[in-house]
Protein backbone atom coordinates (compact mmCIF):
# COMPACT_ATOMS: atom_id res chain seq x y z
CA ALA A 1 0.00 0.00 0.00
CA ASP A 2 2.84 2.36 0.86
CA LEU A 3 4.51 1.67 -2.49
CA LEU A 4 1.39 2.71 -4.43
CA LYS A 5 0.95 5.77 -2.20
CA ARG A 6 4.52 6.87 -2.94
CA GLY A 7 3.97 6.07 -6.62
CA ALA A 8 0.94 8.35 -6.73
CA GLU A 9 2.94 11.15 -5.11
CA ASN A 10 5.74 10.66 -7.65
CA VAL A 11 3.28 10.78 -10.55
CA LEU A 12 1.95 14.10 -9.31
CA VAL A 13 5.37 15.76 -9.14
CA ASP A 14 6.44 14.43 -12.55
CA ARG A 15 6.20 17.46 -14.83
CA SER A 16 6.77 15.42 -18.01
CA VAL A 17 3.16 14.14 -18.03
CA PRO A 18 0.41 16.75 -18.43
CA LYS A 19 -2.36 16.19 -15.87
CA GLY A 20 -4.90 15.81 -18.69
CA LYS A 21 -2.98 12.81 -20.04
CA LEU A 22 -2.23 11.23 -16.69
CA VAL A 23 -4.64 8.31 -17.02
CA ALA A 24 -3.45 7.43 -20.51
CA ALA A 25 0.19 7.67 -19.40
CA ILE A 26 -0.40 5.28 -16.49
CA TYR A 27 -2.14 2.73 -18.74
CA GLU A 28 0.56 2.95 -21.39
CA LYS A 29 3.35 2.56 -18.83
CA ALA A 30 1.68 -0.26 -16.88
CA LEU A 31 -0.06 -2.19 -19.65
CA GLY A 32 1.62 -1.08 -22.86
CA ARG A 33 -1.65 0.14 -24.34
CA LYS A 34 -4.04 3.06 -24.28
CA PRO A 35 -7.07 2.87 -21.99
CA THR A 36 -10.46 2.06 -23.44
CA SER A 37 -13.02 4.85 -23.38
CA ASN A 38 -14.61 3.34 -20.25
CA GLU A 39 -11.23 2.96 -18.53
CA LEU A 40 -10.35 6.53 -19.41
CA LYS A 41 -13.62 7.84 -18.02
CA LEU A 42 -13.28 5.85 -14.79
CA GLY A 43 -9.63 6.78 -14.45
CA ARG A 44 -10.42 10.47 -14.73
CA GLU A 45 -13.18 10.12 -12.14
CA LEU A 46 -10.81 8.32 -9.78
CA ALA A 47 -7.95 10.80 -10.23
CA GLY A 48 -10.27 13.73 -9.56
CA GLU A 49 -10.56 17.21 -10.93
CA PRO A 50 -8.19 18.68 -10.03
CA VAL A 51 -6.03 15.58 -9.76
CA GLN A 52 -5.58 14.43 -6.15
CA ALA A 53 -2.92 12.12 -4.71
CA ALA A 54 -5.52 9.81 -3.13
CA GLY A 55 -7.34 9.55 -6.47
CA VAL A 56 -4.15 8.69 -8.35
CA GLU A 57 -3.40 6.08 -5.68
CA ASP A 58 -6.84 4.55 -6.26
CA LEU A 59 -6.18 4.53 -10.00
CA LEU A 60 -2.85 2.78 -9.48
CA TRP A 61 -4.58 0.18 -7.30
CA THR A 62 -7.20 -0.35 -10.01
CA VAL A 63 -4.59 -0.92 -12.69
CA ALA A 64 -2.44 -3.14 -10.45
CA MET A 65 -5.41 -5.39 -9.72
CA LEU A 66 -6.19 -5.99 -13.40
CA PRO A 67 -5.42 -9.58 -14.46
CA GLU A 68 -3.74 -8.08 -17.52
CA PHE A 69 -1.26 -6.20 -15.30
CA GLN A 70 -0.58 -9.27 -13.20
CA LEU A 71 0.21 -11.31 -16.32
CA ILE A 72 2.69 -8.71 -17.51
CA TYR A 73 4.47 -8.35 -14.17
């Protein structure tokens, strides 16, 4: 849990990824693909507007729990 919390904090301070493309960047980095339209919508809802650390942490948990992620890693 602490690892994903720190990961969310690191994502927020990374200036190389615009906040509007945060969800897509996480999916591309973790799964090697773009999110579907439903995943993008849910990811944006989870991350919050404006983006919040707790929301990004929830998004990271969501991606980490996907069977697709677990097969890759």
